[in-house]
Amino acid sequence: MPIFVEMAPFFSEGGRFAAFDLETTGLDPKKDRIVEIGAVKFDKSGVISRFSILINPGVPMPSGASAVNNITDDMLKDKPSLDAVFPDFLRFINDAVVVAHNAPFDCGFINEGLKSRYKTVAKAENEGTGLFLDEESQSTQVVSWAPPFPALPNRTVDTIVFAKEAFPNMYKYNLQDLAASLAINAKDAHRAEDDARVCMEIFLRCIQREMEKISQ
C-alpha cells in the first residue's frame, strides 16, 4: 500500500508523528553504539515538542564517525548511558507514527538496543538474581529498567520510500541532497535533532505533493 494512502487519513485527523534521527559510532547496530538521539513530535498543526540528547556510548568515539557528526569524546564523557535515556525516548514517541530517513538504519539501532536489554533483563528475572550483564561496559548491573517490548511496536514511515513515491524523478534521495532539492534548509547537518527536523519537513512536503496530485 502506498504510504500516502495509509498515512493521509491519520494525518488529516490530527494523528501524531515523531520524526527521529540517530548519530552513532558506526553502521552496525550489533556492535556500534548510539551517541545522540534527536526527535520532533508533530501533527498537521505543527511541532508539538522536541527531544535531543547526547549519550555516553561507553567506548571511544571513532575518528571517522566524529569527522562526520563533529561529536567528540569530551562532549560525551559526562552524558547519560543509553539505559538512562531509553525510557525518556520511549515516553516521548509514545504511540506516535515513527518517521525516519532510511528507517531500517535508525530503527535497527533502537530495536537492537531494546532486544538486548529485553532479553538480559528477562533472563535476570527468570534466574531471580535481579542482575544482568551490561554488554556495553561488560559489568554486572542491578536491573533498574526493563524495556516494555523487544522492538518498537509503532507504525513506521521511511521518508526515503515516501519521497520516491511523491517525487519519483529526484537525482538523489539521501537526506541532505533531498532537502536541498526541496528547498529545505539543513541548519546543522549530521546532528540528530536538526536531521530529525529535516526528516519531518520532507515528510510534510511528501504529504503536500501527494495532495496536489489528487487535486490536479
Protein backbone atom coordinates (compact mmCIF):
# COMPACT_ATOMS: atom_id res chain seq x y z
CA MET A 1 0.00 0.00 0.00
CA PRO A 2 1.40 3.47 -0.87
CA ILE A 3 2.49 5.41 2.20
CA PHE A 4 0.24 8.36 1.37
CA VAL A 5 -2.86 6.16 1.16
CA GLU A 6 -2.04 4.70 4.59
CA MET A 7 -0.99 7.91 6.33
CA ALA A 8 -3.23 10.60 4.81
CA PRO A 9 -6.35 9.79 6.88
CA PHE A 10 -4.33 9.60 10.10
CA PHE A 11 -2.58 12.89 9.29
CA SER A 12 -5.79 14.72 8.34
CA GLU A 13 -7.47 13.58 11.56
CA GLY A 14 -4.72 15.13 13.68
CA GLY A 15 -2.67 12.00 14.30
CA ARG A 16 0.74 12.45 15.90
CA PHE A 17 4.06 11.66 14.28
CA ALA A 18 7.60 11.53 15.71
CA ALA A 19 10.46 12.10 13.29
CA PHE A 20 13.75 10.94 14.76
CA ASP A 21 17.40 10.56 13.87
CA LEU A 22 20.45 8.98 15.48
CA GLU A 23 24.15 9.63 15.46
CA THR A 24 26.23 6.53 16.10
CA THR A 25 29.79 5.27 16.40
CA GLY A 26 29.39 3.25 13.19
CA LEU A 27 26.99 1.49 10.87
CA ASP A 28 26.49 -1.91 12.53
CA PRO A 29 23.74 -1.95 15.19
CA LYS A 30 25.08 -5.21 16.64
CA LYS A 31 28.48 -3.75 17.54
CA ASP A 32 28.25 0.05 17.23
CA ARG A 33 26.61 2.44 19.72
CA ILE A 34 24.17 5.31 19.72
CA VAL A 35 25.72 8.64 20.74
CA GLU A 36 22.85 11.04 20.04
CA ILE A 37 19.08 10.90 19.64
CA GLY A 38 17.08 13.78 18.20
CA ALA A 39 13.33 13.75 17.63
CA VAL A 40 10.50 16.10 16.73
CA LYS A 41 6.89 15.29 17.56
CA PHE A 42 4.34 16.93 15.25
CA ASP A 43 0.88 16.81 13.75
CA LYS A 44 -0.89 18.71 10.97
CA SER A 45 -0.86 21.88 13.11
CA GLY A 46 2.93 21.90 13.53
CA VAL A 47 5.63 20.95 16.02
CA ILE A 48 4.38 19.71 19.39
CA SER A 49 7.67 19.05 21.19
CA ARG A 50 11.33 18.22 20.66
CA PHE A 51 13.77 15.70 22.12
CA SER A 52 17.56 15.95 21.91
CA ILE A 53 20.25 14.24 23.98
CA LEU A 54 23.85 13.11 23.74
CA ILE A 55 24.67 9.64 25.07
CA ASN A 56 27.85 8.22 26.54
CA PRO A 57 28.47 5.05 24.48
CA GLY A 58 31.00 3.61 26.92
CA VAL A 59 33.61 3.36 24.14
CA PRO A 60 35.83 5.93 22.41
CA MET A 61 34.27 7.85 19.55
CA PRO A 62 35.84 6.60 16.29
CA SER A 63 37.63 9.32 14.34
CA GLY A 64 35.69 8.54 11.16
CA ALA A 65 32.31 8.96 12.82
CA SER A 66 33.47 12.05 14.70
CA ALA A 67 34.61 13.61 11.42
CA VAL A 68 31.06 13.29 10.07
CA ASN A 69 29.00 14.45 13.05
CA ASN A 70 31.60 16.51 14.96
CA ILE A 71 30.73 14.69 18.20
CA THR A 72 33.79 14.13 20.36
CA ASP A 73 34.71 12.08 23.43
CA ASP A 74 34.82 15.27 25.52
CA MET A 75 31.22 16.02 24.53
CA LEU A 76 30.09 12.54 25.61
CA LYS A 77 32.10 11.74 28.73
CA ASP A 78 29.63 13.21 31.23
CA LYS A 79 26.45 12.25 29.38
CA PRO A 80 23.96 9.57 30.46
CA SER A 81 24.05 5.99 29.23
CA LEU A 82 21.58 4.61 26.73
CA ASP A 83 19.85 2.71 29.56
CA ALA A 84 19.14 6.04 31.26
CA VAL A 85 17.91 7.64 28.03
CA PHE A 86 15.74 4.85 26.60
CA PRO A 87 12.74 5.33 28.97
CA ASP A 88 12.52 9.06 28.21
CA PHE A 89 12.77 8.46 24.47
CA LEU A 90 10.06 5.81 24.51
CA ARG A 91 7.79 8.08 26.55
CA PHE A 92 8.44 10.88 24.05
CA ILE A 93 7.43 8.92 20.97
CA ASN A 94 4.66 7.08 22.86
CA ASP A 95 2.21 5.76 20.27
CA ALA A 96 3.07 8.24 17.50
CA VAL A 97 3.84 7.07 13.98
CA VAL A 98 7.63 6.95 13.80
CA VAL A 99 9.23 8.77 10.84
CA ALA A 100 12.88 8.30 9.86
CA HIS A 101 15.06 8.77 6.79
CA ASN A 102 16.37 5.31 6.00
CA ALA A 103 14.23 3.89 8.79
CA PRO A 104 15.84 0.40 8.78
CA PHE A 105 19.10 2.01 9.96
CA ASP A 106 17.72 4.13 12.81
CA CYS A 107 15.05 1.67 13.89
CA GLY A 108 17.61 -1.11 13.62
CA PHE A 109 19.79 0.55 16.27
CA ILE A 110 16.82 1.25 18.55
CA ASN A 111 15.47 -2.28 18.16
CA GLU A 112 18.86 -3.89 18.75
CA GLY A 113 19.18 -1.92 21.98
CA LEU A 114 15.68 -2.87 23.07
CA LYS A 115 16.13 -6.53 22.16
CA SER A 116 19.40 -6.98 24.03
CA ARG A 117 18.05 -5.29 27.16
CA TYR A 118 14.73 -7.13 26.98
CA LYS A 119 16.49 -10.49 26.78
CA THR A 120 19.06 -9.85 29.51
CA VAL A 121 16.52 -8.39 31.93
CA ALA A 122 14.13 -11.28 31.28
CA LYS A 123 16.94 -13.74 31.95
CA ALA A 124 17.85 -11.97 35.20
CA GLU A 125 14.23 -12.03 36.32
CA ASN A 126 13.89 -15.72 35.47
CA GLU A 127 17.03 -16.51 37.44
CA GLY A 128 15.79 -14.39 40.34
CA THR A 129 19.09 -12.54 40.61
CA GLY A 130 17.97 -9.02 39.76
CA LEU A 131 21.30 -8.66 37.95
CA PHE A 132 22.28 -8.63 34.30
CA LEU A 133 25.44 -8.24 32.24
CA ASP A 134 25.65 -4.81 30.67
CA GLU A 135 27.03 -5.62 27.22
CA GLU A 136 28.32 -2.08 26.73
CA SER A 137 30.50 -1.98 29.85
CA GLN A 138 30.82 -5.76 30.38
CA SER A 139 29.95 -5.23 34.02
CA THR A 140 27.20 -6.71 36.16
CA GLN A 141 24.47 -4.19 36.92
CA VAL A 142 21.33 -4.11 39.01
CA VAL A 143 18.20 -4.25 36.89
CA SER A 144 16.71 -0.77 37.08
CA TRP A 145 14.59 -0.63 33.92
CA ALA A 146 13.12 -3.27 31.68
CA PRO A 147 12.02 -2.40 28.13
CA PRO A 148 8.28 -2.95 27.69
CA PHE A 149 8.89 -4.67 24.33
CA PRO A 150 11.83 -6.13 22.38
CA ALA A 151 11.22 -3.89 19.35
CA LEU A 152 9.32 -0.70 18.58
CA PRO A 153 5.63 -1.52 18.02
CA ASN A 154 4.94 1.83 16.34
CA ARG A 155 3.91 2.17 12.74
CA THR A 156 6.90 3.48 10.77
CA VAL A 157 7.34 5.70 7.73
CA ASP A 158 10.63 5.73 5.82
CA THR A 159 10.92 9.14 4.15
CA ILE A 160 13.26 7.73 1.50
CA VAL A 161 10.45 5.45 0.34
CA PHE A 162 7.84 8.19 0.74
CA ALA A 163 9.96 10.69 -1.23
CA LYS A 164 10.38 8.21 -4.07
CA GLU A 165 6.58 7.90 -4.23
CA ALA A 166 5.94 11.65 -4.07
CA PHE A 167 8.96 12.86 -6.09
CA PRO A 168 9.93 9.97 -8.39
CA ASN A 169 12.41 11.88 -10.55
CA MET A 170 14.88 13.13 -7.94
CA TYR A 171 18.56 12.51 -8.71
CA LYS A 172 19.46 11.59 -5.11
CA TYR A 173 17.41 10.62 -2.06
CA ASN A 174 19.91 10.95 0.77
CA LEU A 175 18.76 13.38 3.44
CA GLN A 176 20.90 16.41 2.63
CA ASP A 177 20.59 16.25 -1.17
CA LEU A 178 16.85 15.66 -0.98
CA ALA A 179 16.47 18.57 1.43
CA ALA A 180 18.39 20.83 -0.96
CA SER A 181 16.22 19.72 -3.89
CA LEU A 182 13.09 20.53 -1.90
CA ALA A 183 14.47 23.90 -0.66
CA ILE A 184 14.55 22.70 2.94
CA ASN A 185 17.26 24.43 4.96
CA ALA A 186 19.53 21.96 6.78
CA LYS A 187 20.92 24.14 9.57
CA ASP A 188 23.11 21.59 11.36
CA ALA A 189 23.67 18.58 9.10
CA HIS A 190 24.60 15.26 10.73
CA ARG A 191 23.36 16.30 14.15
CA ALA A 192 20.38 14.32 15.28
CA GLU A 193 17.84 17.00 16.22
CA ASP A 194 18.23 19.03 13.04
CA ASP A 195 18.28 15.92 10.85
CA ALA A 196 15.04 14.86 12.57
CA ARG A 197 13.57 18.28 11.81
CA VAL A 198 14.63 17.97 8.15
CA CYS A 199 13.08 14.50 8.06
CA MET A 200 9.81 15.98 9.35
CA GLU A 201 9.93 18.68 6.67
CA ILE A 202 10.46 16.06 3.95
CA PHE A 203 7.50 14.06 5.27
CA LEU A 204 5.28 17.17 5.16
CA ARG A 205 6.43 18.03 1.62
CA CYS A 206 5.58 14.48 0.54
CA ILE A 207 2.10 14.77 2.05
CA GLN A 208 1.61 18.13 0.34
CA ARG A 209 2.83 16.83 -3.02
CA GLU A 210 0.55 13.80 -2.95
CA MET A 211 -2.42 16.03 -2.08
CA GLU A 212 -1.56 18.27 -5.05
CA LYS A 213 -1.53 15.25 -7.35
CA ILE A 214 -5.05 14.35 -6.24
CA SER A 215 -6.34 17.88 -6.85
CA GLN A 216 -4.85 18.18 -10.35
